[in-house]
Protein backbone atom coordinates (compact mmCIF):
# COMPACT_ATOMS: atom_id res chain seq x y z
CA MET A 1 104.87 -104.53 -11.15
CA SER A 2 104.71 -101.36 -12.69
CA TYR A 3 105.42 -97.33 -12.18
CA THR A 4 105.37 -94.65 -13.89
CA ASN A 5 106.78 -91.97 -13.90
CA GLU A 6 104.74 -88.74 -12.62
CA PRO A 7 105.75 -84.86 -13.01
CA THR A 8 106.76 -83.77 -9.62
CA PRO A 9 104.42 -80.28 -9.67
CA THR A 10 105.78 -77.02 -9.58
CA PRO A 11 105.36 -75.27 -5.75
CA THR A 12 102.74 -72.21 -5.51
CA PRO A 13 105.25 -69.65 -5.19
CA ARG A 14 103.78 -67.33 -1.21
CA PRO A 15 103.26 -63.77 -1.08
CA THR A 16 105.81 -62.00 0.13
CA PRO A 17 105.13 -59.62 3.45
CA LYS A 18 105.58 -56.85 1.61
CA SER A 19 102.97 -57.44 -1.06
CA ASN A 20 100.32 -58.21 1.43
CA ASP A 21 100.96 -55.23 3.66
CA SER A 22 100.48 -53.28 0.45
CA ARG A 23 96.57 -55.08 0.02
CA LYS A 24 95.30 -53.75 3.26
CA LEU A 25 96.21 -50.43 3.75
CA ILE A 26 94.86 -49.81 0.02
CA TYR A 27 91.70 -51.91 1.06
CA GLY A 28 91.63 -49.85 4.47
CA ALA A 29 91.79 -46.63 2.44
CA LEU A 30 88.86 -47.70 0.76
CA VAL A 31 86.91 -48.97 3.47
CA VAL A 32 87.35 -44.74 5.25
CA LEU A 33 86.85 -43.07 2.19
CA LEU A 34 83.41 -45.53 1.91
CA LEU A 35 82.75 -44.78 5.23
CA GLY A 36 83.58 -40.98 5.01
CA THR A 37 81.25 -41.07 1.48
CA TRP A 38 78.14 -42.97 3.34
CA GLY A 39 79.09 -40.27 6.40
CA TYR A 40 79.09 -36.90 4.51
CA ILE A 41 75.90 -38.36 2.62
CA ILE A 42 74.10 -39.35 5.53
CA TRP A 43 75.01 -35.73 7.28
CA ASP A 44 74.32 -33.79 4.35
CA LYS A 45 70.36 -35.68 4.30
CA SER A 46 70.11 -35.01 7.86
CA GLU A 47 71.45 -31.24 7.72
CA SER A 48 68.90 -31.07 3.99
CA LYS A 49 66.01 -32.82 5.54
CA SER A 50 66.62 -30.54 8.74
CA GLU A 51 66.69 -27.29 6.49
CA LEU A 52 63.02 -28.44 5.59
CA THR A 53 61.41 -28.81 7.96
CA GLN A 54 63.04 -25.13 9.40
CA LEU A 55 61.13 -24.41 5.55
CA GLN A 56 58.05 -26.02 6.12
CA THR A 57 58.28 -24.68 9.69
CA GLN A 58 58.81 -21.34 8.61
CA PHE A 59 55.71 -21.27 5.65
CA THR A 60 53.62 -22.70 7.41
CA ASN A 61 53.56 -19.14 10.19
CA VAL A 62 53.64 -17.29 7.72
CA ASP A 63 50.88 -19.43 6.21
CA SER A 64 49.61 -19.01 9.45
CA ALA A 65 49.87 -15.79 9.78
CA ARG A 66 47.90 -14.90 6.20
CA ASN A 67 45.27 -16.72 7.32
CA SER A 68 44.63 -14.72 10.06
CA ILE A 69 45.20 -12.12 9.01
CA GLN A 70 42.78 -12.72 5.68
CA LEU A 71 40.15 -12.97 8.47
CA GLU A 72 40.58 -10.21 9.95
CA TYR A 73 40.43 -8.64 7.43
CA ASN A 74 36.99 -10.51 5.97
CA ASP A 75 36.21 -9.99 9.69
CA ALA A 76 36.79 -5.55 8.86
CA LEU A 77 34.39 -6.69 6.09
CA ALA A 78 31.81 -7.45 7.94
CA ARG A 79 31.43 -5.73 10.29
CA MET A 80 30.86 -2.89 7.35
CA ASP A 81 28.72 -4.34 5.71
CA SER A 82 26.71 -5.38 9.14
CA LEU A 83 26.55 -1.44 9.41
CA THR A 84 26.03 -0.22 6.54
CA GLY A 85 23.29 -3.03 5.69
CA ASP A 86 21.62 -2.22 8.21
CA ASN A 87 21.94 1.51 8.77
CA ALA A 88 20.20 3.17 5.91
CA GLN A 89 21.21 6.91 7.59
CA LEU A 90 24.72 5.33 7.22
CA GLN A 91 24.89 5.53 3.52
CA GLY A 92 25.03 8.91 3.83
CA ALA A 93 28.44 9.08 5.60
CA LEU A 94 29.29 5.71 3.70
CA GLY A 95 29.93 7.82 0.33
CA GLU A 96 31.76 10.76 1.44
CA ARG A 97 34.18 8.17 3.16
CA LYS A 98 33.95 5.34 0.30
CA GLN A 99 37.31 6.40 -1.52
CA GLU A 100 39.19 6.17 1.18
CA ILE A 101 37.51 2.75 1.91
CA ASP A 102 37.50 1.30 -1.45
CA LYS A 103 41.09 2.40 -1.62
CA LEU A 104 42.55 0.97 1.85
CA LYS A 105 40.34 -2.45 1.06
CA GLY A 106 42.14 -2.61 -2.34
CA GLU A 107 45.48 -2.20 -0.70
CA ILE A 108 44.78 -4.93 2.10
CA ARG A 109 43.38 -7.06 -1.25
CA SER A 110 46.84 -6.96 -3.20
CA ILE A 111 48.65 -7.23 -0.41
CA LEU A 112 47.26 -10.22 0.62
CA LYS A 113 47.28 -12.14 -3.26
CA GLU A 114 51.12 -11.87 -3.18
CA LYS A 115 53.33 -14.73 -2.33
CA ASN A 116 55.38 -13.38 -0.36
CA GLY A 117 53.42 -9.68 0.74
CA ASP A 118 54.09 -7.37 3.65
CA LEU A 119 52.17 -8.94 6.27
CA SER A 120 53.26 -6.33 8.69
CA LYS A 121 52.04 -3.67 6.29
CA ALA A 122 48.58 -5.28 5.83
CA ARG A 123 47.91 -5.77 9.48
CA THR A 124 48.91 -1.65 9.17
CA LYS A 125 46.54 -1.17 7.09
CA ILE A 126 44.13 -3.22 8.73
CA ASN A 127 44.17 -2.10 11.27
CA GLU A 128 43.59 1.50 9.93
CA LEU A 129 39.80 0.09 8.50
CA ASN A 130 38.88 -1.09 11.27
CA GLY A 131 39.40 1.87 12.70
CA LYS A 132 37.63 4.34 9.90
CA ILE A 133 34.47 1.05 10.34
CA ASN A 134 34.98 2.18 14.31
CA ASP A 135 34.15 6.03 13.22
CA LEU A 136 31.15 4.62 10.92
CA LEU A 137 29.84 3.10 14.66
CA SER A 138 30.08 6.37 16.26
CA GLU A 139 28.42 7.33 14.21
CA VAL A 140 25.64 5.00 13.75
CA GLU A 141 25.36 5.28 17.38
CA ARG A 142 25.19 9.19 16.83
CA LEU A 143 22.61 8.88 14.43
CA LYS A 144 20.25 6.39 16.54
CA GLY A 145 20.38 9.09 19.06
CA GLU A 146 18.74 11.40 16.64
CA ASN A 147 16.55 9.09 15.29
CA ASP A 148 15.18 7.94 18.51
CA GLN A 149 15.00 11.67 19.37
CA LEU A 150 13.11 11.58 16.00
CA THR A 151 10.61 9.09 16.39
CA ALA A 152 9.37 10.24 19.58
CA SER A 153 8.76 13.63 18.01
CA ASN A 154 7.14 11.96 15.68
CA GLN A 155 5.37 9.62 17.63
CA GLN A 156 4.34 13.29 19.83
CA LEU A 157 3.83 14.38 15.93
CA THR A 158 1.21 11.75 15.14
CA THR A 159 -0.58 11.58 17.65
CA GLU A 160 -1.29 15.70 17.77
CA ARG A 161 -1.70 14.81 14.23
CA ASP A 162 -4.20 12.38 15.48
CA THR A 163 -5.75 14.22 17.68
CA LEU A 164 -6.27 17.24 15.56
CA SER A 165 -7.72 15.12 12.72
CA SER A 166 -10.42 13.71 15.19
CA GLN A 167 -11.47 17.08 15.75
CA LYS A 168 -11.30 18.21 12.23
CA GLN A 169 -13.68 15.29 11.40
CA GLN A 170 -15.76 15.72 14.29
CA ILE A 171 -16.20 19.31 13.14
CA GLN A 172 -16.87 18.33 9.65
CA GLN A 173 -19.75 15.99 10.54
CA ASN A 174 -20.92 19.41 12.21
CA LEU A 175 -20.16 21.53 9.74
CA THR A 176 -21.97 18.61 7.52
CA ALA A 177 -24.53 17.87 9.95
CA THR A 178 -25.39 21.83 9.56
CA GLN A 179 -25.49 22.63 6.17
CA ALA A 180 -27.32 19.73 5.80
CA GLU A 181 -29.93 21.25 8.25
CA LYS A 182 -29.26 24.20 6.54
CA ASP A 183 -29.92 23.05 3.09
CA HIS A 184 -32.87 21.20 4.70
CA LEU A 185 -34.70 23.94 5.40
CA ALA A 186 -33.88 25.92 2.93
CA ASP A 187 -35.49 23.62 0.62
CA VAL A 188 -38.29 23.12 3.06
CA GLY A 189 -38.39 26.98 3.67
CA SER A 190 -38.66 27.28 -0.73
CA THR A 191 -41.60 24.62 -1.08
CA LEU A 192 -44.81 25.86 -1.71
CA HIS A 193 -47.90 26.04 0.69
CA VAL A 194 -51.09 25.83 -1.19
CA SER A 195 -54.56 27.82 0.41
CA ASN A 196 -57.79 27.98 -0.30
CA ILE A 197 -58.55 24.71 -2.28
CA ASN A 198 -61.71 23.66 -3.66
CA ILE A 199 -63.12 21.12 -5.27
CA THR A 200 -66.41 21.61 -7.77
CA ALA A 201 -68.07 19.08 -9.86
CA ILE A 202 -69.55 20.65 -12.97
CA ASP A 203 -71.87 19.93 -15.03
CA VAL A 204 -71.78 20.31 -18.99
CA LYS A 205 -75.13 21.41 -20.83
CA GLY A 206 -75.21 20.10 -24.43
CA SER A 207 -74.99 24.28 -25.42
CA GLY A 208 -71.98 24.10 -23.63
CA LYS A 209 -73.25 26.15 -20.03
CA GLU A 210 -71.72 24.97 -16.73
CA LYS A 211 -73.64 23.80 -13.15
CA ALA A 212 -71.96 22.91 -10.11
CA THR A 213 -73.04 19.47 -9.60
CA THR A 214 -72.25 17.43 -6.16
CA THR A 215 -74.35 14.44 -7.95
CA ALA A 216 -72.01 11.54 -9.51
CA LYS A 217 -73.76 10.82 -12.14
CA ARG A 218 -74.30 14.37 -12.94
CA ALA A 219 -70.43 15.04 -13.01
CA ASP A 220 -68.65 15.11 -16.37
CA LEU A 221 -65.87 17.17 -14.51
CA LEU A 222 -63.79 18.17 -11.95
CA ARG A 223 -62.63 22.30 -11.48
CA ILE A 224 -59.27 22.29 -9.13
CA SER A 225 -58.16 25.64 -8.08
CA PHE A 226 -56.60 27.20 -5.20
CA ASP A 227 -53.98 29.64 -4.09
CA LEU A 228 -50.05 29.05 -4.54
CA ASP A 229 -49.11 31.16 -1.32
CA GLU A 230 -46.38 34.12 -0.65
CA ASN A 231 -43.07 32.84 -0.24
CA ARG A 232 -40.28 34.97 -0.03
CA VAL A 233 -37.85 31.88 0.02
CA ALA A 234 -38.53 30.75 -3.27
CA THR A 235 -37.29 32.41 -5.99
CA SER A 236 -39.33 32.86 -9.27
CA GLY A 237 -40.34 31.22 -11.52
CA ASN A 238 -41.59 27.39 -13.50
CA LYS A 239 -43.35 25.20 -10.42
CA GLU A 240 -43.52 21.60 -11.10
CA LEU A 241 -47.16 20.58 -9.06
CA TYR A 242 -47.62 17.21 -9.01
CA VAL A 243 -51.85 16.52 -8.52
CA CYS A 244 -52.75 12.92 -6.84
CA MET A 245 -56.17 11.54 -7.39
CA THR A 246 -57.63 8.94 -4.83
CA ASN A 247 -61.02 7.07 -5.98
CA PRO A 248 -63.90 6.60 -3.87
CA GLU A 249 -61.96 2.91 -3.36
CA GLY A 250 -59.26 3.98 -2.32
CA LYS A 251 -57.65 3.64 -6.07
CA PRO A 252 -55.13 6.31 -7.61
CA VAL A 253 -56.88 7.47 -10.59
CA SER A 254 -54.74 6.99 -12.85
CA ILE A 255 -54.87 7.91 -17.30
CA PRO A 256 -51.59 7.95 -19.01
CA ALA A 257 -52.90 9.25 -21.95
CA TYR A 258 -54.11 12.64 -19.91
CA GLY A 259 -50.37 12.88 -19.16
CA SER A 260 -50.54 11.06 -15.74
CA GLY A 261 -47.54 9.00 -14.29
CA THR A 262 -45.58 8.91 -10.82
CA PHE A 263 -42.91 10.40 -9.04
CA THR A 264 -40.81 10.19 -6.26
CA THR A 265 -42.19 12.24 -2.72
CA ARG A 266 -39.39 13.52 0.45
CA GLU A 267 -41.56 10.88 3.00
CA ASP A 268 -44.43 8.89 1.05
CA GLY A 269 -41.53 7.46 -1.92
CA ASP A 270 -42.94 6.90 -5.03
CA ARG A 271 -46.69 7.53 -6.38
CA VAL A 272 -48.06 7.74 -8.91
CA TYR A 273 -49.45 10.98 -10.07
CA THR A 274 -53.05 11.99 -12.28
CA ASN A 275 -51.92 15.07 -13.18
CA LYS A 276 -49.03 17.45 -13.84
CA VAL A 277 -48.86 21.06 -13.65
CA ASN A 278 -46.96 23.86 -13.85
CA VAL A 279 -47.39 27.60 -13.04
CA GLN A 280 -45.05 30.43 -13.63
CA TYR A 281 -44.45 31.22 -9.90
CA GLN A 282 -43.50 35.20 -8.60
CA GLN A 283 -41.90 35.68 -5.45
CA GLY A 284 -43.23 36.75 -2.91
CA LYS A 285 -47.00 37.11 -4.34
CA ARG A 286 -50.15 34.87 -4.13
CA THR A 287 -50.02 32.93 -7.37
CA PRO A 288 -53.78 31.29 -8.08
CA VAL A 289 -54.03 27.81 -9.92
CA SER A 290 -57.12 26.32 -11.35
CA PHE A 291 -57.00 23.40 -14.32
CA ASP A 292 -59.83 20.57 -14.64
CA TRP A 293 -60.36 16.86 -14.75
CA LYS A 294 -61.82 15.11 -16.63
CA GLN A 295 -62.09 10.99 -16.38
CA ASP A 296 -62.67 9.09 -19.08
CA GLY A 297 -66.05 6.77 -17.84
CA LYS A 298 -68.07 8.48 -15.26
CA TYR A 299 -67.39 9.36 -12.09
CA GLU A 300 -68.56 7.00 -8.29
CA THR A 301 -70.19 8.16 -5.58
CA GLY A 302 -67.99 9.08 -2.74
CA ASN A 303 -65.09 11.19 -1.62
CA TYR A 304 -62.65 12.08 -4.45
CA LYS A 305 -59.12 12.62 -2.66
CA ILE A 306 -56.69 15.27 -3.56
CA GLU A 307 -53.56 15.89 -2.45
CA ILE A 308 -51.05 18.45 -4.54
CA TYR A 309 -47.32 17.59 -4.21
CA GLN A 310 -44.69 20.21 -4.51
CA ASN A 311 -40.56 19.75 -4.32
CA GLY A 312 -41.53 16.27 -3.39
CA TYR A 313 -43.46 17.05 -0.43
CA LYS A 314 -47.48 17.70 0.28
CA ILE A 315 -47.94 20.96 -0.01
CA GLY A 316 -52.19 20.79 0.61
CA GLU A 317 -55.21 18.52 -0.08
CA GLY A 318 -58.78 18.32 -0.08
CA ILE A 319 -62.16 16.16 -0.51
CA LYS A 320 -65.24 16.39 -3.10
CA THR A 321 -68.51 13.91 -1.97
CA LEU A 322 -70.05 13.26 -5.16
CA LYS A 323 -73.60 12.02 -4.05
CA LYS A 324 -75.89 9.28 -5.59
CA GLY A 325 -78.73 11.91 -7.14
CA GLY A 326 -82.47 10.87 -6.74
CA LEU A 327 -84.82 10.99 -9.73
CA PHE A 328 -85.36 14.63 -10.41
CA SER A 329 -81.55 15.95 -9.12
């Protein structure tokens, strides 16, 4: 058996106790320093968080106060708008104070817009604005009282006016009726009247000689005469007389070629007139009238009725009877 000689290992030197103690001190110092650093960081973070919380609280309080003041301001504006919108009479009073109110509103808006605006000053301004609004409210109440009095007075005046209007209307109706009656009486009073109506059938001979007749076959024309009586109301001047003739059959005699036509009466409606006669009348004097009527063809036996109209009224009538003649009549 062979043996190999191996080198003997060199022993590791052990640290001396002094070297170990130095390291421990260094490690301890580092640990303490690290712990101190972390403690400071934690403390600083805690302080920052506290300050942040305080700032947030302050901001919240400021924001809440700002919102509260904004609400007060909005409420004041709403009150003013309500007052001026519902009370037209306030427009004049508001106009006198508008410059002051607009100035206050501008100052309040400026403060509220500023990030660090003086909220206490804004509140003071809002209180001043509310004071002016309260003055306006008092003005409204005063105006309402005056308006109520005016309304009551207007109602009374309206009642009196309606009564007077009704009375006036009644008086006007009475005056109109009286005037209408007066006009009617004047109209009737100025209407002429006929008397002495005479209707004669005339037989005209070949020589031109005329002879009265009562037979239909010998009648060549009818001569109508009458008097227009005195009338002190009717004015002088031309008077139109409408003569209506009715034949024995009851039919109106009308020959347009001779001037026949229609006219309107006051009581009998429209009628056919046989002849229209124009007469120059003199106020207060009797005026005789005479005219001839010759119809186409022969006259019939029976009654010819003559009716005379003036101013739409019938003023007279007469009848002429034509007989059937005998052999020698």
